[in-house]
Amino acid sequence: MNGRATSVRWRIVGLLLGYAALVHFNRISIAVAGTERLMPEFNISPVLMGALSSAYLWTYTLMMTPGGWFIDRFGSRASLLLVGFGSALCVGLTGVAGFTVSSAATIVPLLFAIRAFLGVTNAPFHPGAAHAVSRWIPGPQRAGVNGLVNAAALAGISCTYYLFGFMMDRLGWPAAFVCAAVVTGLVAAAWMATAASGPGLHPGVNDEERRLIGTDASGSPAAGRLTSVAPWKKRSVILLTLSYAAVGYFQYMFFYWMQYYFDTVLGLGKDRGRLYATIPTVAMALGMAAGGWLTDRAQVRWGARRGRTFVTVAGMVASAGLLGAGVIFREPAWIVTCFSLALASLGASEGAFWTTATDLGGERSGVAAAIVNTGGNAGGALAPILTPLISAHFGWQGGLAVAAIYCFLGAILWRWIDPDEGIQTAESGIPADPEVRVRSVEAAS
């Protein structure tokens, strides 16, 4: 007799949301500290501050594909433990550096080293979260949950400007980093106590929940997704990676320079700068959640390829146009409105990117997601440096216009992306649980 399905999968999702928020809070906190404390206190230039921000992004990007291999080999539980405890260590060391170092000549290279190591430890997060979603969430809900995970990441970013700013105002910037490290360590400990890499490895999951998880986008029992073609040899993975690079450039330009743009370039001051940098990020989080839900509905109606393509292309084209409109306007209220709608539209594409990446990977979903995220962060790593350089020659409006053009070009690539490229399904001899299925495929080969 089938009983009621247990709900372990939703506890896993809850922890993923908390992880996502904290990882991105810790990622952006250095930009907030830089704008309000480090740049004036140590006389750090905008270009050097952008390079400091990119130290994280370059190591994060370089270690992404090795991180994907780690995920496929050891599972999402181990990979996210590395992310959590590694983040806590590096963020704590940032605070210790602030307490012990007083010269710019010393603190800048020290922070470079800490941020670079933080990038290494954080590399498995997004591929690991997408891997966990592909193992724990039923097919009809995966794009929506991937959208929620990315929305939580944006919620963490949006909180950073006010919450980390508040912490700095009350405690000083070194103590603010130490407090963030403690909270991150506690969430990592909760993941260690609760999570498993798949439902077949968790004692709290019953047969009905396993059956529910093992369904495809239509709610039917899912066949195993197997592929003999390495992810990096698939045209769709390469195009998805290039498209996500455009998304990364667009996002990171906002994440690292919007507070500076509103505060300093437009001369709105610290308080309005914090507010106007926060609003577009909140809008993007809402767009991610709504876009994931919309993607699930669209692919049920039109199929995975057409449904995901429609939502993604519409979102990216709209975001490019809205950013261009924001460049034209001069009133701050209109600018922040256009920027908010641009990021919300862009955010609607996130669920489709991550679900498509893990679909294309089959039993190598960690590596496939890592390759796609490598593209996203390669594009993103350029934004903190190129934006002020382009703006120095063509004005900040020119720097923003480059991101809009890049985003439009990224949308066009979805015309040739097929989530089923190189995939063969096998319904017999493949265990229902994804983790057991992967081990069986490896043993057979």
Protein backbone atom coordinates (compact mmCIF):
# COMPACT_ATOMS: atom_id res chain seq x y z
CA MET A 1 0.00 0.00 0.00
CA ASN A 2 1.40 3.38 -0.98
CA GLY A 3 1.54 5.86 1.84
CA ARG A 4 1.75 9.61 1.69
CA ALA A 5 5.02 10.89 0.27
CA THR A 6 7.52 12.21 2.77
CA SER A 7 8.75 15.79 2.30
CA VAL A 8 12.52 15.49 2.68
CA ARG A 9 12.96 17.10 -0.75
CA TRP A 10 11.50 20.38 0.54
CA ARG A 11 13.89 20.42 3.50
CA ILE A 12 16.71 20.05 0.98
CA VAL A 13 15.27 22.94 -1.04
CA GLY A 14 15.01 25.11 2.09
CA LEU A 15 18.68 24.54 2.87
CA LEU A 16 19.64 25.26 -0.75
CA LEU A 17 17.80 28.59 -0.54
CA GLY A 18 19.64 29.52 2.65
CA TYR A 19 22.95 28.48 1.14
CA ALA A 20 22.30 30.49 -2.01
CA ALA A 21 21.47 33.64 -0.06
CA LEU A 22 24.57 33.42 2.13
CA VAL A 23 27.02 32.51 -0.64
CA HIS A 24 25.99 35.58 -2.61
CA PHE A 25 25.78 37.83 0.44
CA ASN A 26 29.42 36.93 1.09
CA ARG A 27 30.31 37.43 -2.56
CA ILE A 28 28.96 41.00 -2.79
CA SER A 29 29.83 42.18 0.72
CA ILE A 30 33.35 43.07 -0.44
CA ALA A 31 31.87 45.50 -3.00
CA VAL A 32 29.76 47.17 -0.31
CA ALA A 33 32.76 47.37 2.03
CA GLY A 34 34.85 48.68 -0.85
CA THR A 35 32.49 51.51 -1.79
CA GLU A 36 31.85 52.67 1.78
CA ARG A 37 35.06 51.78 3.68
CA LEU A 38 38.01 50.29 1.79
CA MET A 39 38.23 52.75 -1.12
CA PRO A 40 38.20 55.92 1.04
CA GLU A 41 40.14 54.39 3.95
CA PHE A 42 42.99 52.91 1.89
CA ASN A 43 42.77 55.21 -1.17
CA ILE A 44 41.91 52.33 -3.52
CA SER A 45 40.95 53.37 -7.07
CA PRO A 46 37.77 52.11 -8.78
CA VAL A 47 39.81 50.06 -11.28
CA LEU A 48 41.84 48.40 -8.48
CA MET A 49 38.64 47.72 -6.54
CA GLY A 50 37.15 46.14 -9.62
CA ALA A 51 40.25 43.97 -9.98
CA LEU A 52 39.90 42.94 -6.31
CA SER A 53 36.32 41.90 -6.96
CA SER A 54 37.44 39.95 -10.01
CA ALA A 55 40.06 38.00 -8.03
CA TYR A 56 37.18 35.93 -6.68
CA LEU A 57 35.55 35.61 -10.07
CA TRP A 58 38.64 34.40 -11.93
CA THR A 59 39.47 31.56 -9.52
CA TYR A 60 35.77 30.74 -9.21
CA THR A 61 35.58 30.45 -12.98
CA LEU A 62 38.82 28.48 -13.42
CA MET A 63 37.80 25.92 -10.80
CA MET A 64 34.22 25.54 -12.04
CA THR A 65 34.73 22.52 -14.31
CA PRO A 66 36.96 20.68 -11.80
CA GLY A 67 34.19 21.45 -9.30
CA GLY A 68 31.68 19.81 -11.65
CA TRP A 69 33.82 16.68 -11.78
CA PHE A 70 33.92 16.73 -7.96
CA ILE A 71 30.11 16.94 -7.86
CA ASP A 72 29.62 13.99 -10.23
CA ARG A 73 32.22 11.95 -8.32
CA PHE A 74 31.25 12.74 -4.71
CA GLY A 75 27.71 14.13 -4.93
CA SER A 76 26.07 17.43 -4.06
CA ARG A 77 26.26 16.89 -0.28
CA ALA A 78 30.07 16.83 -0.19
CA SER A 79 30.43 19.64 -2.72
CA LEU A 80 28.17 22.01 -0.78
CA LEU A 81 29.94 21.18 2.48
CA LEU A 82 33.13 22.40 0.80
CA VAL A 83 31.32 25.57 -0.26
CA GLY A 84 29.87 26.28 3.19
CA PHE A 85 32.87 25.71 5.41
CA GLY A 86 35.27 27.19 2.85
CA SER A 87 33.15 30.35 2.66
CA ALA A 88 33.03 30.66 6.44
CA LEU A 89 36.82 30.39 6.64
CA CYS A 90 37.56 32.96 3.94
CA VAL A 91 34.98 35.50 5.09
CA GLY A 92 36.28 35.17 8.64
CA LEU A 93 39.86 35.74 7.42
CA THR A 94 38.72 38.93 5.66
CA GLY A 95 37.54 40.26 9.01
CA VAL A 96 40.77 39.18 10.72
CA ALA A 97 42.75 41.03 8.04
CA GLY A 98 40.78 44.18 8.81
CA PHE A 99 41.55 43.87 12.52
CA THR A 100 45.28 43.26 12.05
CA VAL A 101 46.40 45.22 8.96
CA SER A 102 46.37 49.00 8.63
CA SER A 103 48.37 49.74 5.46
CA ALA A 104 47.04 49.65 1.91
CA ALA A 105 50.28 48.10 0.64
CA THR A 106 49.63 45.04 2.81
CA ILE A 107 45.85 44.70 2.92
CA VAL A 108 45.24 44.84 -0.85
CA PRO A 109 47.39 41.79 -1.77
CA LEU A 110 46.12 39.98 1.34
CA LEU A 111 42.51 40.53 0.33
CA PHE A 112 43.38 39.46 -3.21
CA ALA A 113 44.65 36.12 -1.86
CA ILE A 114 41.63 35.59 0.42
CA ARG A 115 39.13 36.45 -2.30
CA ALA A 116 40.92 34.18 -4.76
CA PHE A 117 40.71 31.24 -2.34
CA LEU A 118 37.04 32.05 -1.65
CA GLY A 119 36.46 31.68 -5.39
CA VAL A 120 38.02 28.21 -5.32
CA THR A 121 35.83 26.99 -2.45
CA ASN A 122 32.64 28.51 -3.90
CA ALA A 123 33.10 27.09 -7.42
CA PRO A 124 30.87 24.00 -6.88
CA PHE A 125 27.88 25.93 -5.50
CA HIS A 126 25.63 26.59 -8.50
CA PRO A 127 26.41 23.35 -10.36
CA GLY A 128 26.03 21.50 -7.05
CA ALA A 129 22.68 23.14 -6.35
CA ALA A 130 21.45 22.34 -9.89
CA HIS A 131 22.71 18.76 -9.44
CA ALA A 132 20.77 18.50 -6.17
CA VAL A 133 17.62 19.87 -7.82
CA SER A 134 17.91 17.34 -10.67
CA ARG A 135 18.19 14.52 -8.10
CA TRP A 136 15.61 15.67 -5.56
CA ILE A 137 12.83 17.50 -7.44
CA PRO A 138 10.15 16.02 -9.73
CA GLY A 139 10.46 16.92 -13.41
CA PRO A 140 7.42 19.25 -13.55
CA GLN A 141 8.93 21.47 -10.84
CA ARG A 142 12.66 21.58 -11.61
CA ALA A 143 12.82 24.83 -13.57
CA GLY A 144 10.72 26.49 -10.88
CA VAL A 145 12.98 25.29 -8.06
CA ASN A 146 16.11 26.26 -10.01
CA GLY A 147 14.51 29.68 -10.38
CA LEU A 148 13.86 29.84 -6.63
CA VAL A 149 17.47 28.93 -5.81
CA ASN A 150 18.70 31.75 -8.03
CA ALA A 151 16.06 34.08 -6.56
CA ALA A 152 17.42 33.30 -3.09
CA ALA A 153 20.88 34.17 -4.37
CA LEU A 154 19.56 37.55 -5.52
CA ALA A 155 17.75 38.01 -2.20
CA GLY A 156 21.12 37.55 -0.52
CA ILE A 157 22.67 40.12 -2.82
CA SER A 158 19.84 42.61 -2.34
CA CYS A 159 20.15 42.31 1.44
CA THR A 160 23.87 42.99 1.27
CA TYR A 161 23.68 46.73 0.55
CA TYR A 162 21.51 47.48 3.58
CA LEU A 163 22.23 44.60 5.95
CA PHE A 164 25.99 44.50 5.51
CA GLY A 165 26.02 48.30 5.42
CA PHE A 166 24.08 48.30 8.71
CA MET A 167 26.51 45.77 10.20
CA MET A 168 29.46 47.94 9.18
CA ASP A 169 27.82 51.05 10.61
CA ARG A 170 27.28 49.33 13.98
CA LEU A 171 30.27 47.00 14.27
CA GLY A 172 32.90 48.22 11.81
CA TRP A 173 33.71 46.40 8.59
CA PRO A 174 36.09 43.75 10.05
CA ALA A 175 33.54 42.59 12.67
CA ALA A 176 30.79 42.55 10.04
CA PHE A 177 32.78 39.98 8.03
CA VAL A 178 33.37 37.85 11.13
CA CYS A 179 29.64 37.80 11.94
CA ALA A 180 28.83 36.75 8.37
CA ALA A 181 31.38 33.93 8.67
CA VAL A 182 29.73 32.57 11.82
CA VAL A 183 26.26 32.47 10.22
CA THR A 184 27.68 30.78 7.11
CA GLY A 185 29.33 28.10 9.23
CA LEU A 186 26.05 27.37 11.03
CA VAL A 187 24.19 26.84 7.74
CA ALA A 188 26.97 24.53 6.53
CA ALA A 189 26.63 22.51 9.74
CA ALA A 190 22.86 22.21 9.17
CA TRP A 191 23.50 20.93 5.63
CA MET A 192 25.98 18.37 6.97
CA ALA A 193 23.41 17.10 9.46
CA THR A 194 20.43 17.01 7.07
CA ALA A 195 21.37 16.54 3.41
CA ALA A 196 22.18 13.60 1.16
CA SER A 197 23.23 13.55 -2.50
CA GLY A 198 20.00 11.84 -3.58
CA PRO A 199 16.77 10.33 -2.23
CA GLY A 200 18.22 6.80 -2.41
CA LEU A 201 20.89 7.83 0.09
CA HIS A 202 18.58 9.44 2.65
CA PRO A 203 16.93 7.23 5.31
CA GLY A 204 13.99 9.60 5.73
CA VAL A 205 12.67 9.23 2.15
CA ASN A 206 9.85 6.72 1.59
CA ASP A 207 8.98 4.86 -1.61
CA GLU A 208 6.19 7.27 -2.55
CA GLU A 209 8.50 10.27 -2.42
CA ARG A 210 11.06 8.39 -4.52
CA ARG A 211 8.35 7.59 -7.08
CA LEU A 212 7.25 11.24 -7.14
CA ILE A 213 10.79 12.50 -7.62
CA GLY A 214 11.37 10.10 -10.51
CA THR A 215 8.90 11.77 -12.90
CA ASP A 216 9.54 13.81 -16.02
CA ALA A 217 8.13 17.22 -16.98
CA SER A 218 4.74 15.70 -17.83
CA GLY A 219 4.46 13.84 -14.53
CA SER A 220 5.09 10.41 -16.13
CA PRO A 221 7.80 8.04 -14.87
CA ALA A 222 11.11 9.34 -16.16
CA ALA A 223 13.43 7.24 -18.29
CA GLY A 224 17.14 7.34 -17.59
CA ARG A 225 18.95 10.12 -19.48
CA LEU A 226 22.18 8.64 -20.77
CA THR A 227 24.76 10.02 -23.16
CA SER A 228 28.00 8.74 -24.63
CA VAL A 229 28.98 12.23 -25.78
CA ALA A 230 31.01 14.35 -23.35
CA PRO A 231 29.19 17.61 -22.46
CA TRP A 232 31.99 19.79 -23.82
CA LYS A 233 31.58 18.16 -27.25
CA LYS A 234 27.90 19.07 -27.58
CA ARG A 235 26.97 22.09 -29.67
CA SER A 236 24.05 22.91 -27.38
CA VAL A 237 26.29 22.98 -24.29
CA ILE A 238 28.75 25.31 -26.05
CA LEU A 239 25.98 27.65 -27.20
CA LEU A 240 24.30 27.56 -23.78
CA THR A 241 27.66 28.49 -22.23
CA LEU A 242 28.18 31.42 -24.59
CA SER A 243 24.64 32.65 -23.97
CA TYR A 244 25.10 32.41 -20.21
CA ALA A 245 28.31 34.44 -20.53
CA ALA A 246 26.13 37.32 -21.75
CA VAL A 247 23.83 36.85 -18.75
CA GLY A 248 26.83 36.83 -16.41
CA TYR A 249 28.28 40.03 -17.85
CA PHE A 250 24.92 41.80 -17.54
CA GLN A 251 24.33 40.63 -13.96
CA TYR A 252 27.78 41.29 -12.57
CA MET A 253 27.93 44.78 -14.01
CA PHE A 254 24.90 45.54 -11.84
CA PHE A 255 26.08 43.63 -8.78
CA TYR A 256 29.49 45.29 -8.56
CA TRP A 257 28.91 48.78 -9.93
CA MET A 258 25.29 49.84 -9.43
CA GLN A 259 25.76 51.23 -5.93
CA TYR A 260 28.78 53.19 -7.16
CA TYR A 261 26.81 54.35 -10.22
CA PHE A 262 23.91 55.70 -8.20
CA ASP A 263 26.00 56.95 -5.27
CA THR A 264 28.96 58.55 -7.06
CA VAL A 265 28.29 58.85 -10.80
CA LEU A 266 24.73 60.18 -10.42
CA GLY A 267 25.64 61.87 -7.11
CA LEU A 268 22.67 60.52 -5.13
CA GLY A 269 24.63 59.87 -1.93
CA LYS A 270 25.12 56.78 0.25
CA ASP A 271 21.53 56.25 1.44
CA ARG A 272 19.86 56.64 -1.96
CA GLY A 273 22.73 54.73 -3.55
CA ARG A 274 22.01 51.76 -1.27
CA LEU A 275 18.28 51.94 -1.98
CA TYR A 276 18.60 52.28 -5.75
CA ALA A 277 21.15 49.46 -5.92
CA THR A 278 18.84 47.22 -3.89
CA ILE A 279 15.61 47.71 -5.87
CA PRO A 280 16.83 46.20 -9.20
CA THR A 281 18.31 43.21 -7.37
CA VAL A 282 15.02 42.52 -5.59
CA ALA A 283 13.25 42.81 -8.94
CA MET A 284 15.61 40.25 -10.44
CA ALA A 285 14.92 37.82 -7.58
CA LEU A 286 11.19 38.11 -8.24
CA GLY A 287 11.82 37.64 -11.95
CA MET A 288 13.81 34.47 -11.29
CA ALA A 289 11.05 32.94 -9.17
CA ALA A 290 8.32 33.90 -11.62
CA GLY A 291 10.38 32.90 -14.65
CA GLY A 292 11.06 29.43 -13.28
CA TRP A 293 7.35 28.88 -12.72
CA LEU A 294 6.56 30.24 -16.19
CA THR A 295 9.19 27.98 -17.76
CA ASP A 296 7.63 24.90 -16.15
CA ARG A 297 4.22 25.91 -17.51
CA ALA A 298 5.59 26.73 -20.98
CA GLN A 299 7.42 23.44 -21.42
CA VAL A 300 4.34 21.46 -20.40
CA ARG A 301 2.39 23.32 -23.08
CA TRP A 302 4.98 23.46 -25.89
CA GLY A 303 7.65 20.93 -24.92
CA ALA A 304 11.00 21.45 -23.22
CA ARG A 305 12.83 23.01 -26.15
CA ARG A 306 10.19 25.46 -27.37
CA GLY A 307 8.95 26.37 -23.89
CA ARG A 308 12.38 27.16 -22.48
CA THR A 309 13.47 28.99 -25.61
CA PHE A 310 10.38 31.22 -25.62
CA VAL A 311 10.78 32.31 -21.99
CA THR A 312 14.54 32.81 -22.22
CA VAL A 313 14.66 34.74 -25.50
CA ALA A 314 11.75 36.97 -24.49
CA GLY A 315 13.40 37.74 -21.16
CA MET A 316 16.88 38.48 -22.54
CA VAL A 317 15.66 40.65 -25.42
CA ALA A 318 13.39 42.62 -23.08
CA SER A 319 16.25 43.13 -20.59
CA ALA A 320 18.54 44.49 -23.33
CA GLY A 321 15.88 46.95 -24.47
CA LEU A 322 15.05 48.10 -20.95
CA LEU A 323 18.70 48.69 -20.08
CA GLY A 324 19.01 50.78 -23.23
CA ALA A 325 16.00 52.81 -22.13
CA GLY A 326 17.56 53.31 -18.71
CA VAL A 327 20.68 54.70 -20.38
CA ILE A 328 18.60 57.28 -22.27
CA PHE A 329 16.62 58.57 -19.26
CA ARG A 330 18.05 61.22 -16.95
CA GLU A 331 15.60 61.12 -14.02
CA PRO A 332 16.81 58.70 -11.29
CA ALA A 333 13.28 57.32 -10.74
CA TRP A 334 12.95 56.35 -14.40
CA ILE A 335 16.47 54.95 -14.48
CA VAL A 336 15.92 52.66 -11.50
CA THR A 337 12.54 51.58 -12.92
CA CYS A 338 14.08 50.56 -16.26
CA PHE A 339 17.03 48.86 -14.57
CA SER A 340 14.68 46.93 -12.26
CA LEU A 341 12.52 45.71 -15.12
CA ALA A 342 15.65 44.81 -17.10
CA LEU A 343 16.99 42.61 -14.31
CA ALA A 344 13.58 41.06 -13.65
CA SER A 345 13.30 40.11 -17.32
CA LEU A 346 16.81 38.69 -17.36
CA GLY A 347 16.14 36.74 -14.17
CA ALA A 348 13.22 34.96 -15.82
CA SER A 349 15.72 32.98 -17.93
CA GLU A 350 17.70 31.44 -15.04
CA GLY A 351 15.52 28.38 -14.44
CA ALA A 352 15.74 27.41 -18.12
CA PHE A 353 19.53 27.73 -18.21
CA TRP A 354 20.16 25.46 -15.22
CA THR A 355 17.51 22.88 -16.08
CA THR A 356 18.78 22.66 -19.66
CA ALA A 357 22.39 22.31 -18.49
CA THR A 358 21.64 19.33 -16.24
CA ASP A 359 19.39 17.76 -18.91
CA LEU A 360 22.18 17.96 -21.48
CA GLY A 361 24.67 16.43 -19.06
CA GLY A 362 22.65 13.29 -18.36
CA GLU A 363 24.71 11.25 -15.91
CA ARG A 364 27.40 13.99 -16.09
CA SER A 365 25.06 16.78 -15.04
CA GLY A 366 27.57 18.27 -12.60
CA VAL A 367 30.19 18.77 -15.30
CA ALA A 368 27.63 20.11 -17.80
CA ALA A 369 26.27 22.64 -15.31
CA ALA A 370 29.82 23.61 -14.36
CA ILE A 371 30.77 24.26 -17.99
CA VAL A 372 27.75 26.50 -18.47
CA ASN A 373 28.46 28.38 -15.25
CA THR A 374 32.09 28.77 -16.31
CA GLY A 375 30.81 30.77 -19.27
CA GLY A 376 28.54 32.81 -17.04
CA ASN A 377 31.35 33.72 -14.71
CA ALA A 378 33.90 34.29 -17.46
CA GLY A 379 31.51 36.92 -18.80
CA GLY A 380 30.83 38.11 -15.28
CA ALA A 381 34.51 38.41 -14.39
CA LEU A 382 35.01 40.85 -17.26
CA ALA A 383 32.27 43.20 -16.11
CA PRO A 384 33.88 44.66 -12.95
CA ILE A 385 37.02 45.57 -14.94
CA LEU A 386 35.67 46.45 -18.39
CA THR A 387 32.75 48.58 -17.18
CA PRO A 388 34.89 51.35 -15.61
CA LEU A 389 37.44 51.13 -18.45
CA ILE A 390 34.78 51.52 -21.16
CA SER A 391 33.07 54.22 -19.10
CA ALA A 392 36.32 56.17 -18.81
CA HIS A 393 36.34 56.58 -22.61
CA PHE A 394 32.64 56.63 -23.51
CA GLY A 395 30.92 57.61 -20.26
CA TRP A 396 28.99 55.32 -17.96
CA GLN A 397 26.11 55.23 -20.42
CA GLY A 398 28.50 53.65 -22.93
CA GLY A 399 29.59 51.06 -20.39
CA LEU A 400 25.97 50.09 -19.76
CA ALA A 401 25.11 50.01 -23.48
CA VAL A 402 27.80 47.36 -24.08
CA ALA A 403 26.02 45.04 -21.63
CA ALA A 404 22.69 45.55 -23.44
CA ILE A 405 24.18 44.64 -26.83
CA TYR A 406 25.93 41.58 -25.40
CA CYS A 407 22.68 40.37 -23.81
CA PHE A 408 20.78 40.64 -27.10
CA LEU A 409 23.43 38.58 -28.90
CA GLY A 410 23.24 35.93 -26.17
CA ALA A 411 19.49 35.58 -26.68
CA ILE A 412 19.91 34.78 -30.38
CA LEU A 413 21.96 31.66 -29.57
CA TRP A 414 18.91 29.90 -28.12
CA ARG A 415 17.69 29.33 -31.66
CA TRP A 416 20.12 26.38 -31.88
CA ILE A 417 20.00 24.98 -28.31
CA ASP A 418 18.37 21.53 -27.92
CA PRO A 419 18.10 20.09 -24.36
CA ASP A 420 17.89 16.54 -25.78
CA GLU A 421 21.00 16.69 -27.96
CA GLY A 422 22.94 13.43 -27.74
CA ILE A 423 20.62 11.96 -25.09
CA GLN A 424 19.33 8.40 -25.18
CA THR A 425 16.68 7.27 -22.73
CA ALA A 426 16.59 3.80 -21.20
CA GLU A 427 13.55 2.57 -19.33
CA SER A 428 14.66 -1.00 -18.58
CA GLY A 429 17.59 -1.98 -16.42
CA ILE A 430 18.04 1.56 -15.11
CA PRO A 431 17.26 1.98 -11.40
CA ALA A 432 14.65 4.63 -10.60
CA ASP A 433 16.80 6.55 -8.16
CA PRO A 434 19.16 8.92 -10.01
CA GLU A 435 22.15 8.34 -7.69
CA VAL A 436 21.83 4.57 -7.96
CA ARG A 437 21.32 4.91 -11.73
CA VAL A 438 24.59 6.83 -12.13
CA ARG A 439 26.53 4.21 -10.18
CA SER A 440 24.97 1.45 -12.30
CA VAL A 441 25.89 3.19 -15.54
CA GLU A 442 29.47 3.69 -14.31
CA ALA A 443 29.74 0.03 -13.31
CA ALA A 444 28.43 -1.12 -16.69
CA SER A 445 31.02 0.95 -18.52
